[in-house]
Amino acid sequence: MIAGGWGFGVAWCAYFAHIYNDLMTFTIVFLIAFIASFGLRHWLAQRQIRHVAKNRESVPTEFAEKITLVDHQKAADYTIAKLRLGILENGVSAIVLIAFTLMGGLQILNFALLQWLGEGMIQQIALLGSIALISGAIDLPFSWYKQFHLEEQFGFNRMGKKLFFTDMIKGIALAIVIGAPLLWAILSLMAKAGSLWWLWAWAVITGFSLLMQWIFPSFIAPIFNKFKALEDGPLKTQIEALLQRCDFASQGLFVMDGSKRSAHGNAFFAGMGKAKRIVFFDTLIEKLNPGEVEAVLAHELGHYKCNHIRKRLLVSFALSFGMFALLGWLSTQAWFYLDLGVMPDPYGFNGGLALALFMLVSPVFSFFFTPLSSLASRKHEYEADNFAAEKSSAQDLISALVKLYQDNASTLTPDPIYTAFYSSHPPAPLRIANLARPH
């Protein structure tokens, strides 16, 4: 029965009074973490802006003969513009988070959906879907500005407005087709699998993640991009020789039409087992010579051969195990809801509410662990570079990196503290110095 009327009000007053003395503790903890994380994000962004601007007028000595001052200044301006947009996005995200939680937005949304749909699984899925739609609507102006103003201003945008909206519609459709059944499975386990529902939910998510690794390159990626086999020629011959040296078997070599969205270039491989495929952005092949393309691919293969992908998957599974265990406990604690501005139904199912709150609040706390993942990622990048230097050519990789730094307008002078906190790749001077030493 939908909660409402005097009976509901009296029951909730009694319930609220019973636990009043236990309230506010988590509210204070959350606010401290929220203010600290928001303040740290802002401080780091401002440090990066000041450091990049301070070094804007001169190219670092080790790049002076390879990168012009004009390109160096473009990279500085591009970096600063992205950071300023990021500061604005962080501010809006902070307001939205407080509005959803302590200001009662999630409670209002949940109650409105209860009135409309009644209690049950549909209402809980609708709650989570509504939060996603609201968040997406708030993010839309930023995505639009970034694509059609910022990227356009610096000469990177190649996407038309029609493609922008087509991608968005496809993304929403995929989220519904894939996300709704997954949510239904998780919420069903929360409702029916007992106190250890979180363990079964973790197993479902883990299996789903592995399945996506297999089906993404063959079934999902082609929805957004066209892939064609790499044409016969010197590049394909060189790449096949590299694969043989590295003892790497793939489903094939493909070129992706990344140029229809952006001028940025990249290469990657995706999938697992026999579904592994190597993909080059067409923009990468346009910008680099065959030796440089080979070196870039050797770096990507280094991640595979050094077991980085497997390690990252295992770490992600371990972290998700801990997060689900934590959610399993928090979902049974009344203070978790009440201290964050939500009144759960003491006699009904609150699975959607618990998931919504956890997804909203957990990034505030997990943010402080960012430097650890960044450090591990930079270590993996050095190892992959060393593998590429051994199996291909260190000089070709250096040449490729310099071209990519230049073409992608990547700053050569990042702030050291910002880098230590955020950067998944080592700074350009350190990375190239590592490649230049004897291997």
Protein backbone atom coordinates (compact mmCIF):
# COMPACT_ATOMS: atom_id res chain seq x y z
CA MET A 1 0.00 0.00 0.00
CA ILE A 2 1.35 3.46 -0.89
CA ALA A 3 2.50 5.39 2.16
CA GLY A 4 0.31 8.41 2.85
CA GLY A 5 -2.18 10.04 5.22
CA TRP A 6 -2.14 10.64 8.97
CA GLY A 7 -1.32 7.05 9.79
CA PHE A 8 1.84 7.24 7.75
CA GLY A 9 2.80 10.59 9.33
CA VAL A 10 2.33 9.34 12.89
CA ALA A 11 4.28 6.16 12.17
CA TRP A 12 7.14 8.12 10.68
CA CYS A 13 7.24 10.58 13.57
CA ALA A 14 7.55 7.70 16.00
CA TYR A 15 10.16 6.00 13.86
CA PHE A 16 12.13 9.22 13.49
CA ALA A 17 11.98 9.97 17.22
CA HIS A 18 13.19 6.46 18.07
CA ILE A 19 16.48 6.93 16.24
CA TYR A 20 16.90 10.69 16.58
CA ASN A 21 19.77 10.34 19.04
CA ASP A 22 21.73 8.31 16.48
CA LEU A 23 21.25 10.85 13.70
CA MET A 24 23.66 13.42 12.28
CA THR A 25 26.84 11.41 12.83
CA PHE A 26 27.09 10.22 9.25
CA THR A 27 25.78 13.58 7.99
CA ILE A 28 28.81 15.25 9.56
CA VAL A 29 31.20 12.62 8.21
CA PHE A 30 29.70 12.99 4.75
CA LEU A 31 29.88 16.79 4.84
CA ILE A 32 33.53 16.73 5.96
CA ALA A 33 34.42 14.30 3.16
CA PHE A 34 32.35 16.28 0.66
CA ILE A 35 33.97 19.63 1.51
CA ALA A 36 37.45 18.07 1.59
CA SER A 37 37.04 16.32 -1.77
CA PHE A 38 35.50 19.35 -3.48
CA GLY A 39 38.17 21.65 -2.02
CA LEU A 40 40.97 19.30 -3.05
CA ARG A 41 39.64 19.00 -6.61
CA HIS A 42 39.48 22.78 -6.90
CA TRP A 43 42.94 23.31 -5.39
CA LEU A 44 44.55 20.74 -7.68
CA ALA A 45 42.89 22.22 -10.78
CA GLN A 46 44.04 25.72 -9.85
CA ARG A 47 47.59 24.46 -9.25
CA GLN A 48 47.61 22.86 -12.69
CA ILE A 49 46.28 26.04 -14.33
CA ARG A 50 48.92 28.22 -12.65
CA HIS A 51 51.77 25.82 -13.43
CA VAL A 52 50.84 25.39 -17.09
CA ALA A 53 50.30 29.14 -17.54
CA LYS A 54 53.63 29.92 -15.86
CA ASN A 55 55.48 27.67 -18.34
CA ARG A 56 53.45 28.73 -21.39
CA GLU A 57 56.07 31.05 -22.87
CA SER A 58 58.93 28.57 -23.34
CA VAL A 59 59.18 25.04 -24.70
CA PRO A 60 60.98 22.61 -22.34
CA THR A 61 64.60 22.24 -23.43
CA GLU A 62 64.32 18.55 -24.32
CA PHE A 63 61.49 19.34 -26.76
CA ALA A 64 62.79 22.64 -28.14
CA GLU A 65 63.88 21.13 -31.47
CA LYS A 66 60.74 19.04 -31.93
CA ILE A 67 57.80 21.20 -30.83
CA THR A 68 57.26 24.82 -31.81
CA LEU A 69 56.36 27.54 -29.34
CA VAL A 70 53.02 27.98 -31.12
CA ASP A 71 52.13 24.30 -30.57
CA HIS A 72 53.35 24.46 -26.97
CA GLN A 73 51.15 27.49 -26.29
CA LYS A 74 48.19 25.79 -27.96
CA ALA A 75 48.64 22.82 -25.61
CA ALA A 76 48.79 25.14 -22.61
CA ASP A 77 45.65 27.01 -23.67
CA TYR A 78 43.79 23.75 -24.40
CA THR A 79 44.77 22.29 -21.03
CA ILE A 80 43.68 25.44 -19.16
CA ALA A 81 40.38 25.62 -21.04
CA LYS A 82 39.55 22.00 -20.16
CA LEU A 83 40.47 22.58 -16.52
CA ARG A 84 38.26 25.65 -16.24
CA LEU A 85 35.35 23.75 -17.74
CA GLY A 86 36.09 20.92 -15.30
CA ILE A 87 35.96 23.33 -12.35
CA LEU A 88 32.52 24.48 -13.46
CA GLU A 89 31.37 20.86 -13.91
CA ASN A 90 32.63 19.94 -10.45
CA GLY A 91 30.75 22.87 -8.94
CA VAL A 92 27.49 21.88 -10.61
CA SER A 93 28.01 18.20 -9.64
CA ALA A 94 28.53 19.25 -6.02
CA ILE A 95 25.27 21.24 -6.03
CA VAL A 96 23.39 18.32 -7.62
CA LEU A 97 24.77 15.87 -5.05
CA ILE A 98 23.69 18.03 -2.11
CA ALA A 99 20.32 18.63 -3.76
CA PHE A 100 19.74 14.91 -4.16
CA THR A 101 20.81 14.06 -0.62
CA LEU A 102 20.73 16.59 2.22
CA MET A 103 18.23 18.88 0.49
CA GLY A 104 15.78 16.01 0.01
CA GLY A 105 15.71 15.70 -3.78
CA LEU A 106 15.99 11.92 -3.75
CA GLN A 107 13.25 11.68 -1.12
CA ILE A 108 10.92 13.87 -3.20
CA LEU A 109 11.63 11.86 -6.36
CA ASN A 110 11.13 8.54 -4.56
CA PHE A 111 7.83 9.65 -3.01
CA ALA A 112 6.54 11.01 -6.35
CA LEU A 113 7.30 7.68 -8.05
CA LEU A 114 5.64 5.78 -5.20
CA GLN A 115 2.50 7.85 -5.71
CA TRP A 116 2.59 7.23 -9.45
CA LEU A 117 3.74 3.60 -9.71
CA GLY A 118 3.14 2.15 -6.26
CA GLU A 119 5.60 -0.01 -4.37
CA GLY A 120 7.60 -2.69 -6.14
CA MET A 121 10.38 -3.46 -8.54
CA ILE A 122 9.14 -1.18 -11.33
CA GLN A 123 9.16 1.83 -9.01
CA GLN A 124 12.68 1.08 -7.81
CA ILE A 125 14.02 0.68 -11.35
CA ALA A 126 12.20 3.87 -12.35
CA LEU A 127 13.90 5.67 -9.44
CA LEU A 128 17.37 4.69 -10.61
CA GLY A 129 16.49 5.41 -14.23
CA SER A 130 15.15 8.85 -13.30
CA ILE A 131 18.38 9.74 -11.49
CA ALA A 132 20.36 8.68 -14.57
CA LEU A 133 18.15 10.78 -16.85
CA ILE A 134 18.35 13.85 -14.60
CA SER A 135 22.13 13.52 -14.33
CA GLY A 136 22.40 13.07 -18.09
CA ALA A 137 20.25 16.15 -18.73
CA ILE A 138 22.49 18.21 -16.42
CA ASP A 139 25.64 16.89 -18.14
CA LEU A 140 24.28 17.54 -21.65
CA PRO A 141 25.14 21.26 -21.84
CA PHE A 142 28.71 20.53 -20.73
CA SER A 143 29.11 17.77 -23.32
CA TRP A 144 27.70 20.08 -25.98
CA TYR A 145 29.99 22.96 -25.00
CA LYS A 146 33.05 20.73 -24.85
CA GLN A 147 32.38 19.18 -28.26
CA PHE A 148 31.14 22.17 -30.24
CA HIS A 149 33.02 25.01 -28.60
CA LEU A 150 36.14 23.85 -26.78
CA GLU A 151 37.14 21.03 -29.14
CA GLU A 152 36.03 23.14 -32.11
CA GLN A 153 38.08 26.11 -30.94
CA PHE A 154 41.29 24.04 -30.88
CA GLY A 155 40.62 22.23 -34.15
CA PHE A 156 39.79 18.78 -32.78
CA ASN A 157 36.07 18.47 -33.38
CA ARG A 158 34.94 16.59 -36.48
CA MET A 159 31.54 15.58 -35.16
CA GLY A 160 28.35 17.04 -36.56
CA LYS A 161 25.35 17.86 -34.41
CA LYS A 162 23.34 15.03 -35.97
CA LEU A 163 25.98 12.48 -34.97
CA PHE A 164 26.11 13.97 -31.45
CA PHE A 165 22.41 13.30 -30.92
CA THR A 166 22.55 9.95 -32.72
CA ASP A 167 25.29 8.79 -30.34
CA MET A 168 23.24 10.01 -27.38
CA ILE A 169 20.11 8.15 -28.50
CA LYS A 170 22.10 4.97 -29.14
CA GLY A 171 23.68 5.26 -25.70
CA ILE A 172 20.31 5.66 -23.98
CA ALA A 173 18.88 2.71 -25.93
CA LEU A 174 21.83 0.51 -24.96
CA ALA A 175 21.50 1.60 -21.32
CA ILE A 176 17.86 0.53 -21.35
CA VAL A 177 18.41 -2.76 -23.18
CA ILE A 178 21.43 -3.78 -21.10
CA GLY A 179 21.04 -1.78 -17.90
CA ALA A 180 17.38 -2.42 -17.09
CA PRO A 181 17.67 -6.25 -16.97
CA LEU A 182 20.88 -5.94 -14.96
CA LEU A 183 19.17 -3.62 -12.46
CA TRP A 184 16.22 -5.98 -12.26
CA ALA A 185 18.58 -8.87 -11.46
CA ILE A 186 20.41 -6.90 -8.74
CA LEU A 187 17.22 -5.60 -7.15
CA SER A 188 15.63 -9.07 -7.25
CA LEU A 189 18.63 -10.46 -5.39
CA MET A 190 18.39 -7.65 -2.84
CA ALA A 191 14.74 -8.51 -2.27
CA LYS A 192 14.87 -12.31 -2.28
CA ALA A 193 18.41 -13.65 -1.71
CA GLY A 194 18.65 -13.00 2.03
CA SER A 195 21.42 -11.29 3.96
CA LEU A 196 24.09 -12.47 1.51
CA TRP A 197 22.36 -10.95 -1.51
CA TRP A 198 25.39 -8.72 -2.05
CA LEU A 199 27.62 -11.77 -2.67
CA TRP A 200 25.31 -13.06 -5.39
CA ALA A 201 24.98 -9.56 -6.83
CA TRP A 202 28.76 -9.25 -6.96
CA ALA A 203 28.94 -12.57 -8.83
CA VAL A 204 26.36 -11.29 -11.34
CA ILE A 205 28.27 -8.04 -11.91
CA THR A 206 31.56 -9.90 -12.26
CA GLY A 207 30.08 -12.29 -14.81
CA PHE A 208 28.50 -9.37 -16.66
CA SER A 209 31.85 -7.53 -16.79
CA LEU A 210 33.58 -10.57 -18.26
CA LEU A 211 30.78 -11.02 -20.79
CA MET A 212 31.10 -7.38 -21.86
CA GLN A 213 34.83 -7.85 -22.41
CA TRP A 214 33.95 -10.55 -24.93
CA ILE A 215 30.97 -9.00 -26.71
CA PHE A 216 32.00 -5.32 -26.78
CA PRO A 217 34.42 -5.40 -29.74
CA SER A 218 32.22 -7.59 -31.92
CA PHE A 219 28.71 -6.38 -31.12
CA ILE A 220 28.63 -3.05 -29.27
CA ALA A 221 31.52 -1.01 -30.69
CA PRO A 222 30.24 -1.44 -34.30
CA ILE A 223 27.00 0.30 -33.26
CA PHE A 224 28.97 3.54 -32.94
CA ASN A 225 31.87 3.12 -35.36
CA LYS A 226 32.76 1.42 -38.60
CA PHE A 227 35.62 -1.06 -38.58
CA LYS A 228 37.44 -2.27 -41.65
CA ALA A 229 40.31 -4.70 -41.99
CA LEU A 230 43.75 -3.12 -42.23
CA GLU A 231 44.74 -3.12 -45.88
CA ASP A 232 47.60 -5.25 -47.16
CA GLY A 233 50.84 -3.34 -47.40
CA PRO A 234 54.04 -2.46 -45.56
CA LEU A 235 52.23 -1.45 -42.35
CA LYS A 236 50.26 -4.69 -42.11
CA THR A 237 53.39 -6.73 -42.82
CA GLN A 238 55.29 -4.85 -40.12
CA ILE A 239 52.46 -5.27 -37.59
CA GLU A 240 52.13 -9.00 -38.28
CA ALA A 241 55.88 -9.43 -37.74
CA LEU A 242 55.55 -7.62 -34.39
CA LEU A 243 52.67 -9.87 -33.34
CA GLN A 244 54.73 -12.91 -34.20
CA ARG A 245 57.68 -11.61 -32.14
CA CYS A 246 55.35 -10.95 -29.22
CA ASP A 247 53.54 -14.30 -29.60
CA PHE A 248 50.19 -12.49 -29.70
CA ALA A 249 47.20 -13.98 -31.52
CA SER A 250 44.31 -11.70 -32.43
CA GLN A 251 41.05 -11.97 -34.33
CA GLY A 252 42.35 -9.42 -36.80
CA LEU A 253 43.75 -5.95 -37.47
CA PHE A 254 41.14 -3.22 -37.92
CA VAL A 255 40.97 0.48 -38.67
CA MET A 256 38.24 2.51 -36.93
CA ASP A 257 36.73 5.70 -38.32
CA GLY A 258 37.61 7.81 -35.30
CA SER A 259 38.05 10.82 -37.57
CA LYS A 260 34.30 11.28 -37.88
CA ARG A 261 34.23 12.50 -34.27
CA SER A 262 37.67 13.82 -33.40
CA ALA A 263 41.13 14.60 -34.72
CA HIS A 264 42.69 12.80 -31.74
CA GLY A 265 44.45 9.51 -32.56
CA ASN A 266 44.85 6.27 -30.65
CA ALA A 267 45.28 2.52 -30.89
CA PHE A 268 43.94 -0.22 -28.64
CA PHE A 269 43.02 -3.85 -28.46
CA ALA A 270 39.82 -5.13 -26.97
CA GLY A 271 38.15 -8.40 -26.11
CA MET A 272 39.25 -11.59 -24.46
CA GLY A 273 40.42 -14.98 -25.66
CA LYS A 274 39.74 -15.57 -29.33
CA ALA A 275 37.71 -12.36 -29.51
CA LYS A 276 40.81 -10.15 -29.15
CA ARG A 277 41.11 -7.62 -31.93
CA ILE A 278 43.61 -4.83 -32.58
CA VAL A 279 42.15 -1.48 -33.58
CA PHE A 280 43.86 1.62 -34.99
CA PHE A 281 42.15 4.99 -35.25
CA ASP A 282 42.36 6.16 -38.84
CA THR A 283 43.72 9.46 -37.48
CA LEU A 284 46.67 7.60 -35.93
CA ILE A 285 47.61 5.97 -39.23
CA GLU A 286 47.33 9.38 -40.94
CA LYS A 287 49.77 11.01 -38.50
CA LEU A 288 52.41 8.34 -37.87
CA ASN A 289 54.74 6.40 -40.14
CA PRO A 290 54.69 2.55 -40.08
CA GLY A 291 57.57 2.29 -37.60
CA GLU A 292 55.86 4.68 -35.19
CA VAL A 293 52.52 2.88 -35.49
CA GLU A 294 54.30 -0.40 -34.74
CA ALA A 295 55.94 1.12 -31.65
CA VAL A 296 52.61 2.46 -30.35
CA LEU A 297 51.02 -0.97 -30.82
CA ALA A 298 54.02 -2.61 -29.11
CA HIS A 299 53.28 -0.40 -26.10
CA GLU A 300 49.64 -1.55 -26.06
CA LEU A 301 50.75 -5.17 -26.40
CA GLY A 302 53.06 -4.55 -23.46
CA HIS A 303 50.03 -3.99 -21.26
CA TYR A 304 48.75 -7.42 -22.27
CA LYS A 305 52.07 -9.26 -22.02
CA CYS A 306 52.87 -7.69 -18.63
CA ASN A 307 49.47 -8.91 -17.37
CA HIS A 308 48.31 -5.37 -16.66
CA ILE A 309 44.83 -6.02 -18.02
CA ARG A 310 44.42 -9.16 -15.95
CA LYS A 311 45.73 -7.39 -12.84
CA ARG A 312 43.35 -4.46 -13.35
CA LEU A 313 40.43 -6.82 -13.77
CA LEU A 314 41.32 -8.69 -10.59
CA VAL A 315 41.73 -5.44 -8.67
CA SER A 316 38.40 -4.16 -9.98
CA PHE A 317 36.71 -7.42 -8.95
CA ALA A 318 38.26 -7.23 -5.48
CA LEU A 319 37.20 -3.59 -5.08
CA SER A 320 33.67 -4.32 -6.29
CA PHE A 321 33.50 -7.22 -3.81
CA GLY A 322 34.33 -4.82 -0.99
CA MET A 323 31.88 -2.22 -2.26
CA PHE A 324 29.04 -4.72 -2.51
CA ALA A 325 29.81 -6.03 0.99
CA LEU A 326 29.73 -2.45 2.28
CA LEU A 327 26.46 -1.78 0.45
CA GLY A 328 25.01 -4.98 1.88
CA TRP A 329 25.66 -3.66 5.38
CA LEU A 330 24.70 -0.02 4.76
CA SER A 331 21.39 -0.98 3.16
CA THR A 332 20.26 -2.39 6.53
CA GLN A 333 21.21 0.73 8.54
CA ALA A 334 18.48 3.31 9.03
CA TRP A 335 21.02 6.11 9.62
CA PHE A 336 22.46 5.59 6.14
CA TYR A 337 19.18 6.77 4.64
CA LEU A 338 18.07 9.30 7.25
CA ASP A 339 21.42 11.05 7.63
CA LEU A 340 21.41 11.60 3.85
CA GLY A 341 17.96 13.11 3.63
CA VAL A 342 15.90 10.02 2.76
CA MET A 343 13.21 8.24 4.77
CA PRO A 344 13.17 4.53 3.91
CA ASP A 345 10.05 2.42 4.24
CA PRO A 346 10.65 0.50 7.51
CA TYR A 347 8.31 -2.29 6.33
CA GLY A 348 8.94 -2.25 2.58
CA PHE A 349 11.68 -2.75 0.01
CA ASN A 350 14.36 -0.05 -0.20
CA GLY A 351 16.79 -1.67 -2.64
CA GLY A 352 16.58 1.11 -5.22
CA LEU A 353 17.02 3.78 -2.57
CA ALA A 354 20.08 2.02 -1.16
CA LEU A 355 21.65 1.68 -4.61
CA ALA A 356 20.87 5.28 -5.51
CA LEU A 357 22.35 6.69 -2.30
CA PHE A 358 25.42 4.48 -2.54
CA MET A 359 26.11 5.48 -6.16
CA LEU A 360 25.67 9.16 -5.29
CA VAL A 361 27.74 9.21 -2.11
CA SER A 362 30.51 6.62 -2.56
CA PRO A 363 32.53 8.71 -5.10
CA VAL A 364 32.97 11.38 -2.42
CA PHE A 365 34.95 8.89 -0.33
CA SER A 366 36.61 6.84 -3.09
CA PHE A 367 38.06 10.05 -4.59
CA PHE A 368 40.76 10.08 -1.91
CA PHE A 369 42.15 6.79 -3.24
CA THR A 370 42.71 8.25 -6.72
CA PRO A 371 46.49 8.74 -6.22
CA LEU A 372 46.92 5.00 -5.58
CA SER A 373 45.28 3.99 -8.87
CA SER A 374 47.18 6.75 -10.68
CA LEU A 375 50.49 5.53 -9.26
CA ALA A 376 49.78 1.94 -10.32
CA SER A 377 48.77 3.10 -13.79
CA ARG A 378 51.96 5.14 -14.27
CA LYS A 379 54.02 2.13 -13.20
CA HIS A 380 52.22 0.03 -15.83
CA GLU A 381 52.89 2.68 -18.49
CA TYR A 382 56.63 2.57 -17.80
CA GLU A 383 56.57 -1.24 -18.01
CA ALA A 384 54.65 -1.15 -21.30
CA ASP A 385 57.12 1.41 -22.68
CA ASN A 386 60.02 -0.85 -21.71
CA PHE A 387 58.33 -3.78 -23.45
CA ALA A 388 57.88 -1.68 -26.59
CA ALA A 389 61.53 -0.61 -26.50
CA GLU A 390 62.56 -4.26 -26.32
CA LYS A 391 60.19 -5.65 -28.97
CA SER A 392 60.08 -2.66 -31.32
CA SER A 393 62.04 0.61 -31.29
CA ALA A 394 62.45 3.06 -28.43
CA GLN A 395 63.30 5.85 -30.88
CA ASP A 396 60.19 5.18 -32.95
CA LEU A 397 58.05 5.27 -29.80
CA ILE A 398 59.68 8.54 -28.70
CA SER A 399 59.02 10.00 -32.15
CA ALA A 400 55.41 8.79 -32.06
CA LEU A 401 54.83 10.19 -28.56
CA VAL A 402 56.22 13.60 -29.51
CA LYS A 403 53.90 13.72 -32.53
CA LEU A 404 50.92 12.63 -30.42
CA TYR A 405 51.70 15.17 -27.68
CA GLN A 406 51.85 17.80 -30.40
CA ASP A 407 48.79 16.72 -32.38
CA ASN A 408 46.64 16.12 -29.27
CA ALA A 409 47.79 19.39 -27.62
CA SER A 410 48.94 17.58 -24.47
CA THR A 411 50.80 19.82 -22.05
CA LEU A 412 54.51 19.13 -21.60
CA THR A 413 54.63 21.01 -18.29
CA PRO A 414 52.07 19.54 -15.87
CA ASP A 415 52.11 20.40 -12.18
CA PRO A 416 53.93 17.62 -10.25
CA ILE A 417 51.32 17.38 -7.48
CA TYR A 418 48.43 17.35 -9.96
CA THR A 419 50.26 14.65 -11.91
CA ALA A 420 50.88 12.56 -8.79
CA PHE A 421 47.20 12.71 -7.89
CA TYR A 422 45.47 12.31 -11.24
CA SER A 423 47.73 11.32 -14.10
CA SER A 424 47.45 7.78 -15.43
CA HIS A 425 50.52 8.38 -17.64
CA PRO A 426 53.93 9.72 -16.61
CA PRO A 427 54.76 13.32 -17.62
CA ALA A 428 56.20 13.57 -21.13
CA PRO A 429 59.80 14.47 -20.08
CA LEU A 430 60.04 11.54 -17.64
CA ARG A 431 58.47 9.09 -20.04
CA ILE A 432 60.78 10.02 -22.91
CA ALA A 433 63.84 10.07 -20.61
CA ASN A 434 62.97 6.50 -19.57
CA LEU A 435 62.73 5.40 -23.22
CA ALA A 436 65.99 7.16 -24.12
CA ARG A 437 68.06 5.17 -21.62
CA PRO A 438 69.64 1.87 -22.75
CA HIS A 439 67.28 -1.11 -22.67
